Amino acid sequence: MGTSAGKAMPLIGVMGGTFDPIHFGHLRLAEDMADALRLDRVLFIPAGQPPHRGVPRTAASHRLEMVRRAIAGNPRFVADAREVERPQPSYTVDTLTALRAELGEAQPLWLLLGADAFLGLPGWHDWRRLFELANIAVAARPGARLMQSDAIMEPLKSEISQRQVASGGSTSGPAGSVLLRATPPLDISATAIRGILARRESARYLLPDAVLDYIHEHQLYERS
């Protein structure tokens, strides 16, 4: 990606997940981080075959379409189908490597993670390489243990001590920084939503109406 002389490169965020289904918790985290980091774009990348957890209940094509409907109307948000289209398991390090090859070494990238995912990072495939490929922004509830130094165990703690920055956006380079950001609590989970829908209860106001309409149209998450 080239830029004209004197023009700053756009800042890009990467938001991965099964999105089974996508909900307001995902969207609010991305919006908050986009503002805090001054991101020009956030790529929502639904996992095809996630290696870190069980196979998603819902087909990848449905999860991708729900993402597209959820982010419609937000010019900063973009649906990216690369992991859905990949036949092998979706490792984050491979996705970031592909993005880095497309965008160039100078392109600032921010991987957006929730606190639980970040604390599990040492269990991810080739996890230390993530710091070479992107900056990492972690969303934690205010007062959460993640914001306290004794909450993070080695070897992750050492990485944070070397890489943590007080603010992100244009103050950081293309990769290698870690930002721990307190975000407004929005305690919504896809697991809880699937349970509500399986019981045929109302999930309204937990996820966008366009997503909920799609779920009902295709009879997703109904208990067989």
C-alpha atoms as a PDB file:
ATOM      1  CA  MET A   1       0.000   0.000   0.000  1.00  0.00           C
ATOM      2  CA  GLY A   2       1.664   3.196  -1.079  1.00  0.00           C
ATOM      3  CA  THR A   3       1.194   6.667   0.377  1.00  0.00           C
ATOM      4  CA  SER A   4       1.943  10.077  -1.003  1.00  0.00           C
ATOM      5  CA  ALA A   5       4.801  12.080   0.469  1.00  0.00           C
ATOM      6  CA  GLY A   6       3.941  13.578   3.825  1.00  0.00           C
ATOM      7  CA  LYS A   7       0.702  11.626   4.188  1.00  0.00           C
ATOM      8  CA  ALA A   8       0.431   9.287   7.150  1.00  0.00           C
ATOM      9  CA  MET A   9      -0.382   5.652   6.489  1.00  0.00           C
ATOM     10  CA  PRO A  10      -3.889   4.555   7.483  1.00  0.00           C
ATOM     11  CA  LEU A  11      -4.199   2.711  10.773  1.00  0.00           C
ATOM     12  CA  ILE A  12      -5.835  -0.712  10.508  1.00  0.00           C
ATOM     13  CA  GLY A  13      -7.346  -2.858  13.243  1.00  0.00           C
ATOM     14  CA  VAL A  14      -7.941  -6.607  13.035  1.00  0.00           C
ATOM     15  CA  MET A  15     -10.857  -8.134  14.930  1.00  0.00           C
ATOM     16  CA  GLY A  16     -11.064 -11.922  14.711  1.00  0.00           C
ATOM     17  CA  GLY A  17     -13.461 -14.387  16.277  1.00  0.00           C
ATOM     18  CA  THR A  18     -16.013 -17.070  15.576  1.00  0.00           C
ATOM     19  CA  PHE A  19     -18.818 -14.460  15.709  1.00  0.00           C
ATOM     20  CA  ASP A  20     -21.330 -17.209  16.476  1.00  0.00           C
ATOM     21  CA  PRO A  21     -23.230 -14.852  16.455  1.00  0.00           C
ATOM     22  CA  ILE A  22     -21.685 -11.380  16.319  1.00  0.00           C
ATOM     23  CA  HIS A  23     -23.225  -9.103  18.975  1.00  0.00           C
ATOM     24  CA  PHE A  24     -23.046  -5.627  20.457  1.00  0.00           C
ATOM     25  CA  GLY A  25     -20.128  -6.620  22.716  1.00  0.00           C
ATOM     26  CA  HIS A  26     -17.951  -7.258  19.649  1.00  0.00           C
ATOM     27  CA  LEU A  27     -19.126  -4.115  17.901  1.00  0.00           C
ATOM     28  CA  ARG A  28     -18.693  -1.856  20.926  1.00  0.00           C
ATOM     29  CA  LEU A  29     -15.166  -3.173  21.575  1.00  0.00           C
ATOM     30  CA  ALA A  30     -14.207  -2.455  17.955  1.00  0.00           C
ATOM     31  CA  GLU A  31     -15.781   1.009  18.008  1.00  0.00           C
ATOM     32  CA  ASP A  32     -14.090   1.942  21.279  1.00  0.00           C
ATOM     33  CA  MET A  33     -10.693   0.755  20.042  1.00  0.00           C
ATOM     34  CA  ALA A  34     -11.158   2.483  16.688  1.00  0.00           C
ATOM     35  CA  ASP A  35     -11.685   5.784  18.503  1.00  0.00           C
ATOM     36  CA  ALA A  36      -8.869   5.247  21.029  1.00  0.00           C
ATOM     37  CA  LEU A  37      -6.322   4.186  18.414  1.00  0.00           C
ATOM     38  CA  ARG A  38      -7.612   6.503  15.679  1.00  0.00           C
ATOM     39  CA  LEU A  39      -8.077   3.552  13.358  1.00  0.00           C
ATOM     40  CA  ASP A  40      -9.151   4.216   9.791  1.00  0.00           C
ATOM     41  CA  ARG A  41     -10.429   0.668   9.288  1.00  0.00           C
ATOM     42  CA  VAL A  42     -11.286  -2.368  11.383  1.00  0.00           C
ATOM     43  CA  LEU A  43     -11.256  -5.716   9.573  1.00  0.00           C
ATOM     44  CA  PHE A  44     -13.756  -8.196  11.026  1.00  0.00           C
ATOM     45  CA  ILE A  45     -12.383 -11.654  10.185  1.00  0.00           C
ATOM     46  CA  PRO A  46     -14.679 -14.579  11.081  1.00  0.00           C
ATOM     47  CA  ALA A  47     -12.772 -17.790  11.790  1.00  0.00           C
ATOM     48  CA  GLY A  48     -13.316 -20.664   9.404  1.00  0.00           C
ATOM     49  CA  GLN A  49     -11.954 -23.582  11.450  1.00  0.00           C
ATOM     50  CA  PRO A  50     -10.747 -22.095  14.763  1.00  0.00           C
ATOM     51  CA  PRO A  51      -8.020 -24.314  16.266  1.00  0.00           C
ATOM     52  CA  HIS A  52      -8.365 -23.011  19.845  1.00  0.00           C
ATOM     53  CA  ARG A  53     -11.946 -24.108  20.500  1.00  0.00           C
ATOM     54  CA  GLY A  54     -14.687 -26.444  19.332  1.00  0.00           C
ATOM     55  CA  VAL A  55     -16.111 -26.266  15.840  1.00  0.00           C
ATOM     56  CA  PRO A  56     -18.629 -23.392  15.637  1.00  0.00           C
ATOM     57  CA  ARG A  57     -22.221 -24.547  15.647  1.00  0.00           C
ATOM     58  CA  THR A  58     -23.068 -22.297  12.685  1.00  0.00           C
ATOM     59  CA  ALA A  59     -21.651 -22.619   9.162  1.00  0.00           C
ATOM     60  CA  ALA A  60     -18.953 -20.122   8.268  1.00  0.00           C
ATOM     61  CA  SER A  61     -21.045 -18.692   5.426  1.00  0.00           C
ATOM     62  CA  HIS A  62     -23.807 -17.749   7.883  1.00  0.00           C
ATOM     63  CA  ARG A  63     -21.356 -16.239  10.379  1.00  0.00           C
ATOM     64  CA  LEU A  64     -19.747 -14.158   7.632  1.00  0.00           C
ATOM     65  CA  GLU A  65     -23.118 -12.882   6.434  1.00  0.00           C
ATOM     66  CA  MET A  66     -24.122 -11.972   9.996  1.00  0.00           C
ATOM     67  CA  VAL A  67     -20.905  -9.936  10.291  1.00  0.00           C
ATOM     68  CA  ARG A  68     -21.660  -8.159   7.020  1.00  0.00           C
ATOM     69  CA  ARG A  69     -25.127  -7.245   8.212  1.00  0.00           C
ATOM     70  CA  ALA A  70     -23.941  -6.173  11.651  1.00  0.00           C
ATOM     71  CA  ILE A  71     -21.353  -3.707  10.352  1.00  0.00           C
ATOM     72  CA  ALA A  72     -23.374  -2.291   7.455  1.00  0.00           C
ATOM     73  CA  GLY A  73     -23.502   1.478   7.738  1.00  0.00           C
ATOM     74  CA  ASN A  74     -20.234   1.878   9.658  1.00  0.00           C
ATOM     75  CA  PRO A  75     -17.673   3.166   7.134  1.00  0.00           C
ATOM     76  CA  ARG A  76     -14.723   2.117   9.330  1.00  0.00           C
ATOM     77  CA  PHE A  77     -15.797  -1.531   9.575  1.00  0.00           C
ATOM     78  CA  VAL A  78     -14.998  -4.066   6.825  1.00  0.00           C
ATOM     79  CA  ALA A  79     -15.841  -7.779   6.606  1.00  0.00           C
ATOM     80  CA  ASP A  80     -12.867  -9.916   5.529  1.00  0.00           C
ATOM     81  CA  ALA A  81     -13.592 -13.470   4.342  1.00  0.00           C
ATOM     82  CA  ARG A  82     -10.013 -14.804   4.143  1.00  0.00           C
ATOM     83  CA  GLU A  83     -10.282 -17.258   7.056  1.00  0.00           C
ATOM     84  CA  VAL A  84     -13.715 -18.487   5.966  1.00  0.00           C
ATOM     85  CA  GLU A  85     -12.289 -19.210   2.504  1.00  0.00           C
ATOM     86  CA  ARG A  86      -9.174 -20.937   3.881  1.00  0.00           C
ATOM     87  CA  PRO A  87      -9.533 -24.749   3.878  1.00  0.00           C
ATOM     88  CA  GLN A  88      -7.087 -25.314   6.756  1.00  0.00           C
ATOM     89  CA  PRO A  89      -7.451 -24.185  10.407  1.00  0.00           C
ATOM     90  CA  SER A  90      -7.459 -20.435  10.984  1.00  0.00           C
ATOM     91  CA  TYR A  91      -4.334 -19.452  12.885  1.00  0.00           C
ATOM     92  CA  THR A  92      -4.086 -15.746  13.713  1.00  0.00           C
ATOM     93  CA  VAL A  93      -0.374 -15.718  12.943  1.00  0.00           C
ATOM     94  CA  ASP A  94      -1.088 -16.903   9.384  1.00  0.00           C
ATOM     95  CA  THR A  95      -3.774 -14.270   8.881  1.00  0.00           C
ATOM     96  CA  LEU A  96      -1.504 -11.483  10.090  1.00  0.00           C
ATOM     97  CA  THR A  97       1.346 -12.805   7.921  1.00  0.00           C
ATOM     98  CA  ALA A  98      -0.919 -12.627   4.870  1.00  0.00           C
ATOM     99  CA  LEU A  99      -2.066  -9.113   5.749  1.00  0.00           C
ATOM    100  CA  ARG A 100       1.509  -8.007   6.303  1.00  0.00           C
ATOM    101  CA  ALA A 101       2.490  -9.388   2.865  1.00  0.00           C
ATOM    102  CA  GLU A 102      -0.365  -7.491   1.233  1.00  0.00           C
ATOM    103  CA  LEU A 103       0.047  -4.190   3.069  1.00  0.00           C
ATOM    104  CA  GLY A 104       3.822  -3.963   3.490  1.00  0.00           C
ATOM    105  CA  GLU A 105       6.180  -3.868   6.454  1.00  0.00           C
ATOM    106  CA  ALA A 106       5.505  -0.209   7.277  1.00  0.00           C
ATOM    107  CA  GLN A 107       1.724  -0.559   7.605  1.00  0.00           C
ATOM    108  CA  PRO A 108       0.572  -0.091  11.223  1.00  0.00           C
ATOM    109  CA  LEU A 109      -1.622  -3.016  12.282  1.00  0.00           C
ATOM    110  CA  TRP A 110      -3.488  -3.429  15.572  1.00  0.00           C
ATOM    111  CA  LEU A 111      -4.793  -6.817  16.675  1.00  0.00           C
ATOM    112  CA  LEU A 112      -7.837  -6.185  18.891  1.00  0.00           C
ATOM    113  CA  LEU A 113      -8.352  -8.711  21.695  1.00  0.00           C
ATOM    114  CA  GLY A 114     -10.535  -9.144  24.744  1.00  0.00           C
ATOM    115  CA  ALA A 115      -8.827  -9.763  28.070  1.00  0.00           C
ATOM    116  CA  ASP A 116      -9.573 -13.496  28.215  1.00  0.00           C
ATOM    117  CA  ALA A 117      -8.159 -14.117  24.745  1.00  0.00           C
ATOM    118  CA  PHE A 118      -5.049 -12.112  25.564  1.00  0.00           C
ATOM    119  CA  LEU A 119      -4.350 -14.000  28.785  1.00  0.00           C
ATOM    120  CA  GLY A 120      -4.528 -17.244  26.784  1.00  0.00           C
ATOM    121  CA  LEU A 121      -2.071 -15.972  24.168  1.00  0.00           C
ATOM    122  CA  PRO A 122       0.818 -18.302  25.168  1.00  0.00           C
ATOM    123  CA  GLY A 123      -1.380 -21.238  24.083  1.00  0.00           C
ATOM    124  CA  TRP A 124      -1.753 -19.855  20.551  1.00  0.00           C
ATOM    125  CA  HIS A 125       0.206 -21.222  17.612  1.00  0.00           C
ATOM    126  CA  ASP A 126       3.552 -19.388  17.179  1.00  0.00           C
ATOM    127  CA  TRP A 127       2.292 -16.675  19.529  1.00  0.00           C
ATOM    128  CA  ARG A 128       5.521 -14.706  19.947  1.00  0.00           C
ATOM    129  CA  ARG A 129       5.521 -13.957  16.219  1.00  0.00           C
ATOM    130  CA  LEU A 130       2.316 -11.994  16.675  1.00  0.00           C
ATOM    131  CA  PHE A 131       4.357  -9.165  18.184  1.00  0.00           C
ATOM    132  CA  GLU A 132       6.502  -9.034  15.028  1.00  0.00           C
ATOM    133  CA  LEU A 133       3.425  -8.779  12.831  1.00  0.00           C
ATOM    134  CA  ALA A 134       1.152  -6.366  14.718  1.00  0.00           C
ATOM    135  CA  ASN A 135       0.593  -4.205  17.732  1.00  0.00           C
ATOM    136  CA  ILE A 136      -1.881  -5.690  20.217  1.00  0.00           C
ATOM    137  CA  ALA A 137      -4.647  -3.718  21.923  1.00  0.00           C
ATOM    138  CA  VAL A 138      -6.390  -5.442  24.829  1.00  0.00           C
ATOM    139  CA  ALA A 139      -9.817  -4.437  26.111  1.00  0.00           C
ATOM    140  CA  ALA A 140     -10.388  -4.950  29.836  1.00  0.00           C
ATOM    141  CA  ARG A 141     -13.177  -3.839  32.110  1.00  0.00           C
ATOM    142  CA  PRO A 142     -12.219  -0.968  34.448  1.00  0.00           C
ATOM    143  CA  GLY A 143     -10.735  -2.409  37.623  1.00  0.00           C
ATOM    144  CA  ALA A 144     -10.276  -5.860  36.079  1.00  0.00           C
ATOM    145  CA  ARG A 145      -7.336  -7.970  37.286  1.00  0.00           C
ATOM    146  CA  LEU A 146      -5.736  -7.709  33.855  1.00  0.00           C
ATOM    147  CA  MET A 147      -4.905  -4.096  34.658  1.00  0.00           C
ATOM    148  CA  GLN A 148      -2.877  -5.247  37.691  1.00  0.00           C
ATOM    149  CA  SER A 149       0.659  -6.522  37.208  1.00  0.00           C
ATOM    150  CA  ASP A 150       0.184  -9.638  39.328  1.00  0.00           C
ATOM    151  CA  ALA A 151      -2.682 -10.861  37.143  1.00  0.00           C
ATOM    152  CA  ILE A 152      -0.449 -11.749  34.208  1.00  0.00           C
ATOM    153  CA  MET A 153       1.831 -14.768  34.380  1.00  0.00           C
ATOM    154  CA  GLU A 154       5.101 -15.486  32.615  1.00  0.00           C
ATOM    155  CA  PRO A 155       6.017 -15.662  29.767  1.00  0.00           C
ATOM    156  CA  LEU A 156       3.352 -13.132  28.727  1.00  0.00           C
ATOM    157  CA  LYS A 157       4.286 -10.760  31.534  1.00  0.00           C
ATOM    158  CA  SER A 158       7.812 -10.325  30.166  1.00  0.00           C
ATOM    159  CA  GLU A 159       6.506  -9.463  26.722  1.00  0.00           C
ATOM    160  CA  ILE A 160       4.174  -6.832  28.168  1.00  0.00           C
ATOM    161  CA  SER A 161       6.894  -5.250  30.299  1.00  0.00           C
ATOM    162  CA  GLN A 162       8.996  -4.715  27.168  1.00  0.00           C
ATOM    163  CA  ARG A 163       6.185  -3.592  24.883  1.00  0.00           C
ATOM    164  CA  GLN A 164       3.461  -1.803  26.847  1.00  0.00           C
ATOM    165  CA  VAL A 165       2.620   1.731  25.729  1.00  0.00           C
ATOM    166  CA  ALA A 166       0.436   4.316  27.441  1.00  0.00           C
ATOM    167  CA  SER A 167      -1.436   5.247  24.271  1.00  0.00           C
ATOM    168  CA  GLY A 168      -1.695   3.896  20.754  1.00  0.00           C
ATOM    169  CA  GLY A 169      -2.630   5.146  17.327  1.00  0.00           C
ATOM    170  CA  SER A 170      -0.017   7.201  15.531  1.00  0.00           C
ATOM    171  CA  THR A 171       2.325   7.064  18.549  1.00  0.00           C
ATOM    172  CA  SER A 172       3.180   3.415  17.833  1.00  0.00           C
ATOM    173  CA  GLY A 173       5.006   1.814  14.941  1.00  0.00           C
ATOM    174  CA  PRO A 174       3.816  -0.928  12.585  1.00  0.00           C
ATOM    175  CA  ALA A 175       4.105  -3.716  15.197  1.00  0.00           C
ATOM    176  CA  GLY A 176       5.441  -4.691  18.596  1.00  0.00           C
ATOM    177  CA  SER A 177       3.479  -2.500  21.029  1.00  0.00           C
ATOM    178  CA  VAL A 178       0.921  -3.654  23.616  1.00  0.00           C
ATOM    179  CA  LEU A 179      -1.851  -1.382  24.848  1.00  0.00           C
ATOM    180  CA  LEU A 180      -4.039  -2.368  27.808  1.00  0.00           C
ATOM    181  CA  ARG A 181      -7.183  -0.266  27.652  1.00  0.00           C
ATOM    182  CA  ALA A 182     -10.023  -0.062  30.152  1.00  0.00           C
ATOM    183  CA  THR A 183     -13.267  -0.211  28.184  1.00  0.00           C
ATOM    184  CA  PRO A 184     -16.883   0.298  29.229  1.00  0.00           C
ATOM    185  CA  PRO A 185     -18.345  -3.019  30.441  1.00  0.00           C
ATOM    186  CA  LEU A 186     -20.805  -4.649  28.052  1.00  0.00           C
ATOM    187  CA  ASP A 187     -21.278  -8.139  29.427  1.00  0.00           C
ATOM    188  CA  ILE A 188     -22.764  -9.954  26.444  1.00  0.00           C
ATOM    189  CA  SER A 189     -21.659 -13.411  25.303  1.00  0.00           C
ATOM    190  CA  ALA A 190     -22.400 -15.408  22.186  1.00  0.00           C
ATOM    191  CA  THR A 191     -22.881 -18.492  24.378  1.00  0.00           C
ATOM    192  CA  ALA A 192     -25.630 -16.759  26.359  1.00  0.00           C
ATOM    193  CA  ILE A 193     -27.294 -15.513  23.167  1.00  0.00           C
ATOM    194  CA  ARG A 194     -27.319 -19.024  21.692  1.00  0.00           C
ATOM    195  CA  GLY A 195     -28.986 -20.285  24.869  1.00  0.00           C
ATOM    196  CA  ILE A 196     -31.633 -17.559  24.750  1.00  0.00           C
ATOM    197  CA  LEU A 197     -32.408 -18.328  21.122  1.00  0.00           C
ATOM    198  CA  ALA A 198     -32.515 -22.082  21.746  1.00  0.00           C
ATOM    199  CA  ARG A 199     -35.157 -21.451  24.416  1.00  0.00           C
ATOM    200  CA  ARG A 200     -37.034 -19.249  21.925  1.00  0.00           C
ATOM    201  CA  GLU A 201     -36.711 -16.238  24.187  1.00  0.00           C
ATOM    202  CA  SER A 202     -36.046 -12.687  22.994  1.00  0.00           C
ATOM    203  CA  ALA A 203     -32.457 -11.730  22.184  1.00  0.00           C
ATOM    204  CA  ARG A 204     -33.417  -8.232  21.100  1.00  0.00           C
ATOM    205  CA  TYR A 205     -30.995  -5.448  22.172  1.00  0.00           C
ATOM    206  CA  LEU A 206     -28.145  -7.960  22.538  1.00  0.00           C
ATOM    207  CA  LEU A 207     -27.263  -7.887  18.841  1.00  0.00           C
ATOM    208  CA  PRO A 208     -28.263  -5.786  15.827  1.00  0.00           C
ATOM    209  CA  ASP A 209     -31.807  -6.226  14.499  1.00  0.00           C
ATOM    210  CA  ALA A 210     -30.407  -7.087  11.044  1.00  0.00           C
ATOM    211  CA  VAL A 211     -28.484 -10.010  12.580  1.00  0.00           C
ATOM    212  CA  LEU A 212     -31.454 -11.171  14.607  1.00  0.00           C
ATOM    213  CA  ASP A 213     -33.669 -11.072  11.510  1.00  0.00           C
ATOM    214  CA  TYR A 214     -31.109 -13.186   9.644  1.00  0.00           C
ATOM    215  CA  ILE A 215     -30.980 -15.703  12.499  1.00  0.00           C
ATOM    216  CA  HIS A 216     -34.755 -16.097  12.489  1.00  0.00           C
ATOM    217  CA  GLU A 217     -34.915 -16.238   8.690  1.00  0.00           C
ATOM    218  CA  HIS A 218     -32.468 -19.154   8.592  1.00  0.00           C
ATOM    219  CA  GLN A 219     -33.630 -20.736  11.865  1.00  0.00           C
ATOM    220  CA  LEU A 220     -30.148 -20.617  13.369  1.00  0.00           C
ATOM    221  CA  TYR A 221     -29.527 -21.680  16.971  1.00  0.00           C
ATOM    222  CA  GLU A 222     -32.911 -23.336  17.350  1.00  0.00           C
ATOM    223  CA  ARG A 223     -32.715 -26.404  19.545  1.00  0.00           C
ATOM    224  CA  SER A 224     -33.362 -29.482  17.427  1.00  0.00           C
END
